[in-house]
Structures are given as C-alpha cells and as structure tokens.
Amino acid sequence: MELLVSERIKALCPELRIGSVWAEVVNCATPDALWQELEDAARQITERYELLQINARPAVAATRRLYKALGKDPGRYRVASEALCRRIIRGLGIYRLTSVVDVINLVSIVSGYPISGLDADKVVGNVLTLGVGEVGEEYCGIGRGPLNIAGMPVYRDAKGGVATPTRDEERTQITLGTTHVQININAFGEEMPLADTVAWTVALLEKYCSARNITTSIISL
C-alpha cells in the first residue's frame, strides 16, 4: 500500500511521520494473554496521568494542534488515543474486541499515537492519501455513525475516506473475517520512538495474530 500526504498536511505538520505495517493475519477473539497486556497498560496509564494531563501527551498534543490549525475542535472530536486513555482514567474501561483490534489499541494506549487499522482487502486501489476532510463529505465512523470530518485529517482510498485520527470508517473495518491488514501509526509529533513502535506492533501481530508476509516502512516528509 502506497501512502501519500497532501500539500496542506505537509505545510501544517512538516514533522509528520507515518509508520506503515501491512500483514497477513489470523484475527480471532482476544487471547487472555493479550487482554492481560491491555489491562497492565491501562493500570500504568491510571498511575501516570490525571484526566486533564492526557491531552498534554506529546503525540496527542501534536494531533490536537493539527486539528486546531485545520479549524477542528479537538475537544469535541477527540483523538482516538486520547479518548481511549480518558475512558481508562474515568474508570469506564475498554472494550474487549478482537486480537488485531486489541493489538492496535494496546499500541495506541502505550505510544499515544492515533492508529488507523484497515482491512486491506476492503481498500479500493493500492494508494492511501492523507488529506483534509471537506464539508458534506460522507463518512460513517465505526460505532458512531455519520461523522463530520470537515477540517479533520483523513485517509482516502480511490472511493473515499477510510480513516481519521478520531475514528476509522465502517467500510474498511477490521472483522473476524479479516485476513490482511494495513496499519498506519500516525506520528503528528513523536512520543514513543516510531521505529520502536512499528517493531513492537509487528511483534504483537506475530504473537497474537499469527502475522506473516509482513511489510513495514516509515514515511517522512
């Protein structure tokens, strides 16, 4: 999968780097060992942060700054990694989903990065372009329904939007039937070293999702 970045995003966020992981996987119910890793990570978040400190995490803060530069309210449309950590600190917990999705959630919680996880077989074409959402653009967020992505960073395939730092689109949602994934680790500002984040994501996919035929890259502007 080729990843491209629009000139507007480049101008507003020249420090952007994207960690790309493509893999063949076996998605399944989340194993107990993976869930334990998630619970351990959640406990560390509650020990380390107060609720109002989450949006000051470097990766979260950088994404929020880009939202503001694009005219989007990051308090109303929260960055996914921020939203996950806020749920944890508020004692609401996180949902136990599938092995692939929970690997992504684990990495996002620990790293602070908003991560898009796509069923690669549902992506139209072999190019994803990170641009800016437009007024009236149709987008159905997973578990949320119609989402106003105007002024929001958005990945588009040949058909339309598939992922934002707030929520991915239903059309390319990862399910138990997913066999190929495209994962984009969006470092609008660096927190956990991105190369380490990519390597850890691969290790988790291999351990819990029987990943193989893996391709990784780091895209810098």
C-alpha atoms as a PDB file:
ATOM      1  CA  MET A   1       0.000   0.000   0.000  1.00  0.00           C
ATOM      2  CA  GLU A   2       1.437   3.363  -1.051  1.00  0.00           C
ATOM      3  CA  LEU A   3       0.905   6.244   1.382  1.00  0.00           C
ATOM      4  CA  LEU A   4       0.797   9.835   0.127  1.00  0.00           C
ATOM      5  CA  VAL A   5       0.393  13.093   2.067  1.00  0.00           C
ATOM      6  CA  SER A   6      -1.362  16.193   0.745  1.00  0.00           C
ATOM      7  CA  GLU A   7       0.465  19.505   0.482  1.00  0.00           C
ATOM      8  CA  ARG A   8      -1.836  21.096   3.057  1.00  0.00           C
ATOM      9  CA  ILE A   9      -0.985  18.489   5.692  1.00  0.00           C
ATOM     10  CA  LYS A  10       2.710  18.797   4.837  1.00  0.00           C
ATOM     11  CA  ALA A  11       2.587  22.561   5.292  1.00  0.00           C
ATOM     12  CA  LEU A  12       0.799  22.429   8.634  1.00  0.00           C
ATOM     13  CA  CYS A  13       2.634  19.424  10.069  1.00  0.00           C
ATOM     14  CA  PRO A  14       6.096  19.098   8.486  1.00  0.00           C
ATOM     15  CA  GLU A  15       7.268  16.885  11.348  1.00  0.00           C
ATOM     16  CA  LEU A  16       4.701  14.196  10.457  1.00  0.00           C
ATOM     17  CA  ARG A  17       5.963  10.631  10.176  1.00  0.00           C
ATOM     18  CA  ILE A  18       3.840   7.567   9.475  1.00  0.00           C
ATOM     19  CA  GLY A  19       4.695   4.023  10.470  1.00  0.00           C
ATOM     20  CA  SER A  20       3.136   1.624   7.971  1.00  0.00           C
ATOM     21  CA  VAL A  21       2.532  -2.064   8.645  1.00  0.00           C
ATOM     22  CA  TRP A  22       0.941  -4.430   6.131  1.00  0.00           C
ATOM     23  CA  ALA A  23       0.467  -8.056   7.183  1.00  0.00           C
ATOM     24  CA  GLU A  24      -1.394 -11.258   6.569  1.00  0.00           C
ATOM     25  CA  VAL A  25      -3.140 -12.158   9.831  1.00  0.00           C
ATOM     26  CA  VAL A  26      -5.457 -14.570  11.574  1.00  0.00           C
ATOM     27  CA  ASN A  27      -7.940 -12.464  13.514  1.00  0.00           C
ATOM     28  CA  CYS A  28      -9.642 -14.124  16.457  1.00  0.00           C
ATOM     29  CA  ALA A  29     -11.170 -13.488  19.856  1.00  0.00           C
ATOM     30  CA  THR A  30      -8.684 -11.614  22.016  1.00  0.00           C
ATOM     31  CA  PRO A  31      -6.456 -14.107  23.864  1.00  0.00           C
ATOM     32  CA  ASP A  32      -6.247 -13.818  27.647  1.00  0.00           C
ATOM     33  CA  ALA A  33      -2.535 -13.000  27.465  1.00  0.00           C
ATOM     34  CA  LEU A  34      -3.177 -10.032  25.165  1.00  0.00           C
ATOM     35  CA  TRP A  35      -6.013  -8.836  27.357  1.00  0.00           C
ATOM     36  CA  GLN A  36      -3.676  -9.009  30.360  1.00  0.00           C
ATOM     37  CA  GLU A  37      -1.202  -6.781  28.494  1.00  0.00           C
ATOM     38  CA  LEU A  38      -4.016  -4.311  27.845  1.00  0.00           C
ATOM     39  CA  GLU A  39      -5.062  -4.328  31.490  1.00  0.00           C
ATOM     40  CA  ASP A  40      -1.454  -3.796  32.590  1.00  0.00           C
ATOM     41  CA  ALA A  41      -1.131  -0.866  30.184  1.00  0.00           C
ATOM     42  CA  ALA A  42      -4.410   0.599  31.440  1.00  0.00           C
ATOM     43  CA  ARG A  43      -3.223   0.386  35.030  1.00  0.00           C
ATOM     44  CA  GLN A  44       0.004   2.183  34.119  1.00  0.00           C
ATOM     45  CA  ILE A  45      -1.994   4.962  32.453  1.00  0.00           C
ATOM     46  CA  THR A  46      -4.087   5.497  35.606  1.00  0.00           C
ATOM     47  CA  GLU A  47      -0.954   5.562  37.733  1.00  0.00           C
ATOM     48  CA  ARG A  48       0.868   8.016  35.476  1.00  0.00           C
ATOM     49  CA  TYR A  49      -1.766  10.525  34.363  1.00  0.00           C
ATOM     50  CA  GLU A  50      -4.617  12.616  35.699  1.00  0.00           C
ATOM     51  CA  LEU A  51      -7.546  13.083  33.325  1.00  0.00           C
ATOM     52  CA  LEU A  52      -6.559  16.575  32.224  1.00  0.00           C
ATOM     53  CA  GLN A  53      -2.954  15.510  31.587  1.00  0.00           C
ATOM     54  CA  ILE A  54      -3.801  13.142  28.729  1.00  0.00           C
ATOM     55  CA  ASN A  55      -4.110  15.864  26.106  1.00  0.00           C
ATOM     56  CA  ALA A  56      -0.606  17.065  27.043  1.00  0.00           C
ATOM     57  CA  ARG A  57       0.999  13.779  25.948  1.00  0.00           C
ATOM     58  CA  PRO A  58       3.325  14.734  23.055  1.00  0.00           C
ATOM     59  CA  ALA A  59       1.637  12.547  20.441  1.00  0.00           C
ATOM     60  CA  VAL A  60      -1.849  13.618  21.498  1.00  0.00           C
ATOM     61  CA  ALA A  61      -0.942  17.296  21.821  1.00  0.00           C
ATOM     62  CA  ALA A  62       0.584  17.361  18.332  1.00  0.00           C
ATOM     63  CA  THR A  63      -2.535  15.825  16.803  1.00  0.00           C
ATOM     64  CA  ARG A  64      -4.743  18.290  18.666  1.00  0.00           C
ATOM     65  CA  ARG A  65      -2.640  21.180  17.341  1.00  0.00           C
ATOM     66  CA  LEU A  66      -3.174  19.974  13.784  1.00  0.00           C
ATOM     67  CA  TYR A  67      -6.934  19.743  14.385  1.00  0.00           C
ATOM     68  CA  LYS A  68      -6.951  23.344  15.629  1.00  0.00           C
ATOM     69  CA  ALA A  69      -4.861  24.507  12.655  1.00  0.00           C
ATOM     70  CA  LEU A  70      -7.451  22.912  10.361  1.00  0.00           C
ATOM     71  CA  GLY A  71     -10.327  24.544  12.259  1.00  0.00           C
ATOM     72  CA  LYS A  72     -11.500  21.361  14.002  1.00  0.00           C
ATOM     73  CA  ASP A  73     -12.343  21.315  17.723  1.00  0.00           C
ATOM     74  CA  PRO A  74     -10.240  18.509  19.301  1.00  0.00           C
ATOM     75  CA  GLY A  75     -12.351  18.703  22.448  1.00  0.00           C
ATOM     76  CA  ARG A  76     -15.459  17.727  20.507  1.00  0.00           C
ATOM     77  CA  TYR A  77     -13.735  15.357  18.080  1.00  0.00           C
ATOM     78  CA  ARG A  78     -11.197  13.666  20.312  1.00  0.00           C
ATOM     79  CA  VAL A  79      -8.064  11.940  19.091  1.00  0.00           C
ATOM     80  CA  ALA A  80      -8.620   8.168  19.409  1.00  0.00           C
ATOM     81  CA  SER A  81      -5.605   7.541  21.657  1.00  0.00           C
ATOM     82  CA  GLU A  82      -6.723  10.392  23.920  1.00  0.00           C
ATOM     83  CA  ALA A  83     -10.269   9.029  24.056  1.00  0.00           C
ATOM     84  CA  LEU A  84      -9.034   5.543  24.990  1.00  0.00           C
ATOM     85  CA  CYS A  85      -6.888   6.861  27.816  1.00  0.00           C
ATOM     86  CA  ARG A  86      -9.659   9.124  29.100  1.00  0.00           C
ATOM     87  CA  ARG A  87     -12.008   6.140  29.305  1.00  0.00           C
ATOM     88  CA  ILE A  88      -9.423   4.257  31.303  1.00  0.00           C
ATOM     89  CA  ILE A  89      -8.796   7.075  33.766  1.00  0.00           C
ATOM     90  CA  ARG A  90     -12.529   7.681  34.215  1.00  0.00           C
ATOM     91  CA  GLY A  91     -12.942   4.019  35.162  1.00  0.00           C
ATOM     92  CA  LEU A  92     -15.050   3.159  32.122  1.00  0.00           C
ATOM     93  CA  GLY A  93     -12.630   0.506  30.897  1.00  0.00           C
ATOM     94  CA  ILE A  94     -12.080  -0.523  27.285  1.00  0.00           C
ATOM     95  CA  TYR A  95     -13.935  -2.988  25.137  1.00  0.00           C
ATOM     96  CA  ARG A  96     -12.527  -6.448  24.510  1.00  0.00           C
ATOM     97  CA  LEU A  97     -12.765  -6.780  20.747  1.00  0.00           C
ATOM     98  CA  THR A  98     -10.578  -8.975  18.516  1.00  0.00           C
ATOM     99  CA  SER A  99      -6.902  -9.840  18.542  1.00  0.00           C
ATOM    100  CA  VAL A 100      -5.929  -7.458  15.734  1.00  0.00           C
ATOM    101  CA  VAL A 101      -8.008  -4.546  17.010  1.00  0.00           C
ATOM    102  CA  ASP A 102      -6.787  -5.004  20.565  1.00  0.00           C
ATOM    103  CA  VAL A 103      -3.159  -5.121  19.405  1.00  0.00           C
ATOM    104  CA  ILE A 104      -3.796  -1.735  17.781  1.00  0.00           C
ATOM    105  CA  ASN A 105      -5.494  -0.419  20.918  1.00  0.00           C
ATOM    106  CA  LEU A 106      -2.621  -1.603  23.110  1.00  0.00           C
ATOM    107  CA  VAL A 107      -0.021   0.115  20.954  1.00  0.00           C
ATOM    108  CA  SER A 108      -2.111   3.302  20.793  1.00  0.00           C
ATOM    109  CA  ILE A 109      -2.569   3.467  24.566  1.00  0.00           C
ATOM    110  CA  VAL A 110       1.122   2.989  25.294  1.00  0.00           C
ATOM    111  CA  SER A 111       2.551   5.102  22.458  1.00  0.00           C
ATOM    112  CA  GLY A 112      -0.029   7.897  22.440  1.00  0.00           C
ATOM    113  CA  TYR A 113      -0.354   7.695  18.648  1.00  0.00           C
ATOM    114  CA  PRO A 114      -3.711   7.610  16.844  1.00  0.00           C
ATOM    115  CA  ILE A 115      -3.539   4.463  14.716  1.00  0.00           C
ATOM    116  CA  SER A 116      -5.704   3.517  11.760  1.00  0.00           C
ATOM    117  CA  GLY A 117      -6.307  -0.184  11.270  1.00  0.00           C
ATOM    118  CA  LEU A 118      -7.850  -1.155   7.954  1.00  0.00           C
ATOM    119  CA  ASP A 119      -8.956  -4.380   6.331  1.00  0.00           C
ATOM    120  CA  ALA A 120      -6.579  -4.107   3.386  1.00  0.00           C
ATOM    121  CA  ASP A 121      -8.836  -6.189   1.149  1.00  0.00           C
ATOM    122  CA  LYS A 122     -11.608  -3.602   1.533  1.00  0.00           C
ATOM    123  CA  VAL A 123      -9.398  -0.698   0.491  1.00  0.00           C
ATOM    124  CA  VAL A 124     -10.154   0.391  -3.091  1.00  0.00           C
ATOM    125  CA  GLY A 125      -6.920   0.687  -5.068  1.00  0.00           C
ATOM    126  CA  ASN A 126      -3.406   0.494  -3.665  1.00  0.00           C
ATOM    127  CA  VAL A 127      -2.909   4.144  -2.657  1.00  0.00           C
ATOM    128  CA  LEU A 128      -3.968   5.918   0.535  1.00  0.00           C
ATOM    129  CA  THR A 129      -3.702   9.700   0.618  1.00  0.00           C
ATOM    130  CA  LEU A 130      -3.740  11.691   3.854  1.00  0.00           C
ATOM    131  CA  GLY A 131      -5.604  14.916   3.227  1.00  0.00           C
ATOM    132  CA  VAL A 132      -8.249  17.113   4.842  1.00  0.00           C
ATOM    133  CA  GLY A 133     -11.949  16.366   5.152  1.00  0.00           C
ATOM    134  CA  GLU A 134     -14.368  18.539   3.222  1.00  0.00           C
ATOM    135  CA  VAL A 135     -17.767  19.968   4.144  1.00  0.00           C
ATOM    136  CA  GLY A 136     -20.516  17.458   3.384  1.00  0.00           C
ATOM    137  CA  GLU A 137     -18.118  14.570   2.767  1.00  0.00           C
ATOM    138  CA  GLU A 138     -19.811  11.294   3.641  1.00  0.00           C
ATOM    139  CA  TYR A 139     -18.095   9.295   6.366  1.00  0.00           C
ATOM    140  CA  CYS A 140     -19.520   6.664   8.715  1.00  0.00           C
ATOM    141  CA  GLY A 141     -17.383   6.199  11.807  1.00  0.00           C
ATOM    142  CA  ILE A 142     -17.189   2.743  13.373  1.00  0.00           C
ATOM    143  CA  GLY A 143     -19.665   2.575  16.244  1.00  0.00           C
ATOM    144  CA  ARG A 144     -20.607   6.229  15.795  1.00  0.00           C
ATOM    145  CA  GLY A 145     -22.463   6.582  12.518  1.00  0.00           C
ATOM    146  CA  PRO A 146     -22.206   9.694  10.330  1.00  0.00           C
ATOM    147  CA  LEU A 147     -19.159  11.737  11.348  1.00  0.00           C
ATOM    148  CA  ASN A 148     -18.463  15.331  10.329  1.00  0.00           C
ATOM    149  CA  ILE A 149     -14.878  15.067   9.067  1.00  0.00           C
ATOM    150  CA  ALA A 150     -14.707  18.585   7.594  1.00  0.00           C
ATOM    151  CA  GLY A 151     -11.373  20.039   8.717  1.00  0.00           C
ATOM    152  CA  MET A 152     -10.146  16.703  10.014  1.00  0.00           C
ATOM    153  CA  PRO A 153      -7.091  14.783   8.727  1.00  0.00           C
ATOM    154  CA  VAL A 154      -8.442  11.882   6.657  1.00  0.00           C
ATOM    155  CA  TYR A 155      -7.002   8.983   4.698  1.00  0.00           C
ATOM    156  CA  ARG A 156      -8.795   8.374   1.415  1.00  0.00           C
ATOM    157  CA  ASP A 157      -8.645   5.469  -0.993  1.00  0.00           C
ATOM    158  CA  ALA A 158      -9.990   5.559  -4.548  1.00  0.00           C
ATOM    159  CA  LYS A 159     -13.558   5.561  -3.243  1.00  0.00           C
ATOM    160  CA  GLY A 160     -13.375   7.988  -0.309  1.00  0.00           C
ATOM    161  CA  GLY A 161     -12.457   8.394   3.334  1.00  0.00           C
ATOM    162  CA  VAL A 162     -11.347   5.347   5.308  1.00  0.00           C
ATOM    163  CA  ALA A 163      -9.635   6.660   8.448  1.00  0.00           C
ATOM    164  CA  THR A 164      -9.187   9.716  10.657  1.00  0.00           C
ATOM    165  CA  PRO A 165      -7.265  10.145  13.930  1.00  0.00           C
ATOM    166  CA  THR A 166     -10.665  10.229  15.650  1.00  0.00           C
ATOM    167  CA  ARG A 167     -12.313   7.120  14.196  1.00  0.00           C
ATOM    168  CA  ASP A 168     -11.958   4.738  11.271  1.00  0.00           C
ATOM    169  CA  GLU A 169     -14.666   4.228   8.635  1.00  0.00           C
ATOM    170  CA  GLU A 170     -17.085   1.298   8.673  1.00  0.00           C
ATOM    171  CA  ARG A 171     -16.363   0.392   5.054  1.00  0.00           C
ATOM    172  CA  THR A 172     -12.818  -0.835   5.792  1.00  0.00           C
ATOM    173  CA  GLN A 173     -13.492  -2.084   9.327  1.00  0.00           C
ATOM    174  CA  ILE A 174     -11.428  -4.993  10.647  1.00  0.00           C
ATOM    175  CA  THR A 175     -13.628  -8.008  11.453  1.00  0.00           C
ATOM    176  CA  LEU A 176     -13.086 -11.633  12.422  1.00  0.00           C
ATOM    177  CA  GLY A 177     -13.024 -12.387   8.698  1.00  0.00           C
ATOM    178  CA  THR A 178     -10.136 -10.007   8.024  1.00  0.00           C
ATOM    179  CA  THR A 179      -7.016 -11.700   6.643  1.00  0.00           C
ATOM    180  CA  HIS A 180      -4.908  -8.729   5.515  1.00  0.00           C
ATOM    181  CA  VAL A 181      -4.392  -5.507   7.441  1.00  0.00           C
ATOM    182  CA  GLN A 182      -2.972  -2.081   6.712  1.00  0.00           C
ATOM    183  CA  ILE A 183      -1.987  -0.286   9.912  1.00  0.00           C
ATOM    184  CA  ASN A 184      -0.914   3.365   9.883  1.00  0.00           C
ATOM    185  CA  ILE A 185       0.754   4.699  13.036  1.00  0.00           C
ATOM    186  CA  ASN A 186       0.295   8.452  12.804  1.00  0.00           C
ATOM    187  CA  ALA A 187       3.089  10.397  14.488  1.00  0.00           C
ATOM    188  CA  PHE A 188       1.988  14.005  14.065  1.00  0.00           C
ATOM    189  CA  GLY A 189       4.508  14.601  16.825  1.00  0.00           C
ATOM    190  CA  GLU A 190       6.805  11.940  18.258  1.00  0.00           C
ATOM    191  CA  GLU A 191       6.351  10.361  21.683  1.00  0.00           C
ATOM    192  CA  MET A 192       7.427   6.711  21.676  1.00  0.00           C
ATOM    193  CA  PRO A 193      10.234   6.297  19.098  1.00  0.00           C
ATOM    194  CA  LEU A 194       8.386   5.468  15.896  1.00  0.00           C
ATOM    195  CA  ALA A 195      10.749   2.701  14.771  1.00  0.00           C
ATOM    196  CA  ASP A 196      10.276   1.015  18.157  1.00  0.00           C
ATOM    197  CA  THR A 197       6.507   1.427  17.871  1.00  0.00           C
ATOM    198  CA  VAL A 198       6.470  -0.234  14.451  1.00  0.00           C
ATOM    199  CA  ALA A 199       8.694  -3.095  15.662  1.00  0.00           C
ATOM    200  CA  TRP A 200       6.505  -3.665  18.724  1.00  0.00           C
ATOM    201  CA  THR A 201       3.352  -3.674  16.587  1.00  0.00           C
ATOM    202  CA  VAL A 202       4.879  -6.341  14.349  1.00  0.00           C
ATOM    203  CA  ALA A 203       5.946  -8.438  17.342  1.00  0.00           C
ATOM    204  CA  LEU A 204       2.434  -8.286  18.816  1.00  0.00           C
ATOM    205  CA  LEU A 205       0.828  -9.212  15.487  1.00  0.00           C
ATOM    206  CA  GLU A 206       3.161 -12.178  15.175  1.00  0.00           C
ATOM    207  CA  LYS A 207       2.489 -13.281  18.746  1.00  0.00           C
ATOM    208  CA  TYR A 208      -1.282 -12.886  18.876  1.00  0.00           C
ATOM    209  CA  CYS A 209      -2.455 -12.813  15.246  1.00  0.00           C
ATOM    210  CA  SER A 210      -0.115 -15.314  13.519  1.00  0.00           C
ATOM    211  CA  ALA A 211       1.063 -12.491  11.257  1.00  0.00           C
ATOM    212  CA  ARG A 212       3.263 -13.297   8.270  1.00  0.00           C
ATOM    213  CA  ASN A 213       4.334 -11.782   4.949  1.00  0.00           C
ATOM    214  CA  ILE A 214       4.820  -8.513   6.835  1.00  0.00           C
ATOM    215  CA  THR A 215       5.905  -5.302   5.137  1.00  0.00           C
ATOM    216  CA  THR A 216       6.838  -2.193   7.125  1.00  0.00           C
ATOM    217  CA  SER A 217       8.033   1.296   6.327  1.00  0.00           C
ATOM    218  CA  ILE A 218       8.346   4.712   7.912  1.00  0.00           C
ATOM    219  CA  ILE A 219       7.232   7.636   5.784  1.00  0.00           C
ATOM    220  CA  SER A 220       8.835  11.016   6.487  1.00  0.00           C
ATOM    221  CA  LEU A 221       8.028  14.296   4.764  1.00  0.00           C
END
